[in-house]
Amino acid sequence: MTTTTTNTTTTPTPIERTPNIGPTLASELRGVGIDSLEALMRVGFWDAWLQLRRVNPERDGVPACLALAGAVAGVRWNHLPPRVRADIRQRVKAART
């Protein structure tokens, strides 16, 4: 997790400075009240994805979910272990039915 520390205060990491989070996804996350990496970590990638999906049903794809999972893990989505990626794909598929 990347944070900026000044004296005794910690500044939250802006969501757009997080791996995998581009301008569009950052804007959508802010729209559901997630504006920092720390907020995303509190909510969790799955609940964040469900919130995005409720607001924008077109955002129900695997790529967004993988991006969020990678952001929480602090890695690019393609560096998530294959088993984790497979589990996420399965969860997304199950959520669609």
C-alpha atoms as a PDB file:
ATOM      1  CA  MET A   1       0.000   0.000   0.000  1.00  0.00           C
ATOM      2  CA  THR A   2       1.352   3.411  -0.934  1.00  0.00           C
ATOM      3  CA  THR A   3       0.593   6.321   1.353  1.00  0.00           C
ATOM      4  CA  THR A   4       2.159   9.682   1.938  1.00  0.00           C
ATOM      5  CA  THR A   5       3.122  10.444   5.530  1.00  0.00           C
ATOM      6  CA  THR A   6       3.670  13.968   6.790  1.00  0.00           C
ATOM      7  CA  ASN A   7       4.564  14.196  10.469  1.00  0.00           C
ATOM      8  CA  THR A   8       1.860  12.101  12.124  1.00  0.00           C
ATOM      9  CA  THR A   9      -0.838  12.305   9.457  1.00  0.00           C
ATOM     10  CA  THR A  10      -1.281   9.916   6.582  1.00  0.00           C
ATOM     11  CA  THR A  11      -2.711  11.159   3.308  1.00  0.00           C
ATOM     12  CA  PRO A  12      -4.869   8.612   1.483  1.00  0.00           C
ATOM     13  CA  THR A  13      -3.578   7.387  -1.869  1.00  0.00           C
ATOM     14  CA  PRO A  14      -5.735   8.866  -4.660  1.00  0.00           C
ATOM     15  CA  ILE A  15      -7.606   6.096  -6.447  1.00  0.00           C
ATOM     16  CA  GLU A  16      -6.144   7.059  -9.839  1.00  0.00           C
ATOM     17  CA  ARG A  17      -2.613   6.430  -8.536  1.00  0.00           C
ATOM     18  CA  THR A  18      -3.511   2.817  -7.866  1.00  0.00           C
ATOM     19  CA  PRO A  19      -2.357   0.020 -10.210  1.00  0.00           C
ATOM     20  CA  ASN A  20      -4.988  -0.896 -12.828  1.00  0.00           C
ATOM     21  CA  ILE A  21      -7.193   2.133 -12.161  1.00  0.00           C
ATOM     22  CA  GLY A  22      -7.456   4.421 -15.171  1.00  0.00           C
ATOM     23  CA  PRO A  23      -9.395   7.681 -15.410  1.00  0.00           C
ATOM     24  CA  THR A  24     -12.722   6.067 -16.330  1.00  0.00           C
ATOM     25  CA  LEU A  25     -12.668   3.451 -13.582  1.00  0.00           C
ATOM     26  CA  ALA A  26     -11.429   6.080 -11.083  1.00  0.00           C
ATOM     27  CA  SER A  27     -14.370   8.326 -11.965  1.00  0.00           C
ATOM     28  CA  GLU A  28     -16.823   5.441 -11.614  1.00  0.00           C
ATOM     29  CA  LEU A  29     -15.324   4.483  -8.251  1.00  0.00           C
ATOM     30  CA  ARG A  30     -15.616   8.066  -7.013  1.00  0.00           C
ATOM     31  CA  GLY A  31     -19.254   7.937  -8.115  1.00  0.00           C
ATOM     32  CA  VAL A  32     -19.894   5.143  -5.608  1.00  0.00           C
ATOM     33  CA  GLY A  33     -17.915   6.850  -2.839  1.00  0.00           C
ATOM     34  CA  ILE A  34     -14.546   5.136  -3.296  1.00  0.00           C
ATOM     35  CA  ASP A  35     -11.947   7.865  -3.769  1.00  0.00           C
ATOM     36  CA  SER A  36      -8.765   6.306  -2.411  1.00  0.00           C
ATOM     37  CA  LEU A  37      -6.885   3.030  -2.326  1.00  0.00           C
ATOM     38  CA  GLU A  38      -7.585   2.822   1.383  1.00  0.00           C
ATOM     39  CA  ALA A  39     -11.340   3.193   0.777  1.00  0.00           C
ATOM     40  CA  LEU A  40     -11.164   0.460  -1.875  1.00  0.00           C
ATOM     41  CA  MET A  41      -9.332  -1.801   0.550  1.00  0.00           C
ATOM     42  CA  ARG A  42     -11.962  -1.192   3.247  1.00  0.00           C
ATOM     43  CA  VAL A  43     -14.791  -2.026   0.839  1.00  0.00           C
ATOM     44  CA  GLY A  44     -12.964  -4.885  -0.862  1.00  0.00           C
ATOM     45  CA  PHE A  45     -12.660  -5.537  -4.581  1.00  0.00           C
ATOM     46  CA  TRP A  46     -15.777  -7.710  -4.813  1.00  0.00           C
ATOM     47  CA  ASP A  47     -18.138  -5.309  -3.052  1.00  0.00           C
ATOM     48  CA  ALA A  48     -16.670  -2.401  -5.027  1.00  0.00           C
ATOM     49  CA  TRP A  49     -17.333  -4.310  -8.253  1.00  0.00           C
ATOM     50  CA  LEU A  50     -20.910  -5.064  -7.155  1.00  0.00           C
ATOM     51  CA  GLN A  51     -21.456  -1.366  -6.402  1.00  0.00           C
ATOM     52  CA  LEU A  52     -20.137  -0.381  -9.841  1.00  0.00           C
ATOM     53  CA  ARG A  53     -22.331  -3.014 -11.440  1.00  0.00           C
ATOM     54  CA  ARG A  54     -25.459  -1.715  -9.669  1.00  0.00           C
ATOM     55  CA  VAL A  55     -24.797   1.816 -10.928  1.00  0.00           C
ATOM     56  CA  ASN A  56     -23.658   0.754 -14.405  1.00  0.00           C
ATOM     57  CA  PRO A  57     -24.863  -2.723 -15.437  1.00  0.00           C
ATOM     58  CA  GLU A  58     -22.494  -2.615 -18.421  1.00  0.00           C
ATOM     59  CA  ARG A  59     -19.607  -2.693 -15.933  1.00  0.00           C
ATOM     60  CA  ASP A  60     -20.232  -6.362 -15.116  1.00  0.00           C
ATOM     61  CA  GLY A  61     -17.211  -7.741 -16.918  1.00  0.00           C
ATOM     62  CA  VAL A  62     -14.256  -9.699 -15.680  1.00  0.00           C
ATOM     63  CA  PRO A  63     -11.667  -7.013 -16.602  1.00  0.00           C
ATOM     64  CA  ALA A  64     -13.023  -4.451 -14.128  1.00  0.00           C
ATOM     65  CA  CYS A  65     -13.183  -7.042 -11.364  1.00  0.00           C
ATOM     66  CA  LEU A  66      -9.626  -8.199 -12.070  1.00  0.00           C
ATOM     67  CA  ALA A  67      -8.453  -4.576 -12.101  1.00  0.00           C
ATOM     68  CA  LEU A  68     -10.006  -3.973  -8.693  1.00  0.00           C
ATOM     69  CA  ALA A  69      -8.571  -7.193  -7.250  1.00  0.00           C
ATOM     70  CA  GLY A  70      -5.122  -6.282  -8.521  1.00  0.00           C
ATOM     71  CA  ALA A  71      -5.436  -2.781  -7.099  1.00  0.00           C
ATOM     72  CA  VAL A  72      -6.255  -4.155  -3.652  1.00  0.00           C
ATOM     73  CA  ALA A  73      -3.334  -6.598  -3.920  1.00  0.00           C
ATOM     74  CA  GLY A  74      -1.015  -3.810  -5.109  1.00  0.00           C
ATOM     75  CA  VAL A  75      -0.167  -5.517  -8.408  1.00  0.00           C
ATOM     76  CA  ARG A  76      -1.133  -5.309 -12.055  1.00  0.00           C
ATOM     77  CA  TRP A  77      -4.123  -7.573 -12.672  1.00  0.00           C
ATOM     78  CA  ASN A  78      -2.060  -9.905 -14.877  1.00  0.00           C
ATOM     79  CA  HIS A  79       0.324 -10.502 -11.961  1.00  0.00           C
ATOM     80  CA  LEU A  80      -2.447 -11.973  -9.837  1.00  0.00           C
ATOM     81  CA  PRO A  81      -1.874 -15.716  -9.426  1.00  0.00           C
ATOM     82  CA  PRO A  82      -3.634 -17.777 -12.126  1.00  0.00           C
ATOM     83  CA  ARG A  83      -5.797 -19.477  -9.501  1.00  0.00           C
ATOM     84  CA  VAL A  84      -6.984 -16.109  -8.170  1.00  0.00           C
ATOM     85  CA  ARG A  85      -7.825 -14.921 -11.695  1.00  0.00           C
ATOM     86  CA  ALA A  86      -9.727 -18.156 -12.362  1.00  0.00           C
ATOM     87  CA  ASP A  87     -11.670 -17.790  -9.096  1.00  0.00           C
ATOM     88  CA  ILE A  88     -12.603 -14.207  -9.960  1.00  0.00           C
ATOM     89  CA  ARG A  89     -13.763 -15.218 -13.440  1.00  0.00           C
ATOM     90  CA  GLN A  90     -15.923 -17.930 -11.876  1.00  0.00           C
ATOM     91  CA  ARG A  91     -17.419 -15.522  -9.311  1.00  0.00           C
ATOM     92  CA  VAL A  92     -18.246 -12.985 -12.028  1.00  0.00           C
ATOM     93  CA  LYS A  93     -19.857 -15.688 -14.150  1.00  0.00           C
ATOM     94  CA  ALA A  94     -21.937 -16.867 -11.181  1.00  0.00           C
ATOM     95  CA  ALA A  95     -22.981 -13.284 -10.354  1.00  0.00           C
ATOM     96  CA  ARG A  96     -24.354 -12.833 -13.871  1.00  0.00           C
ATOM     97  CA  THR A  97     -26.813 -15.717 -13.536  1.00  0.00           C
END
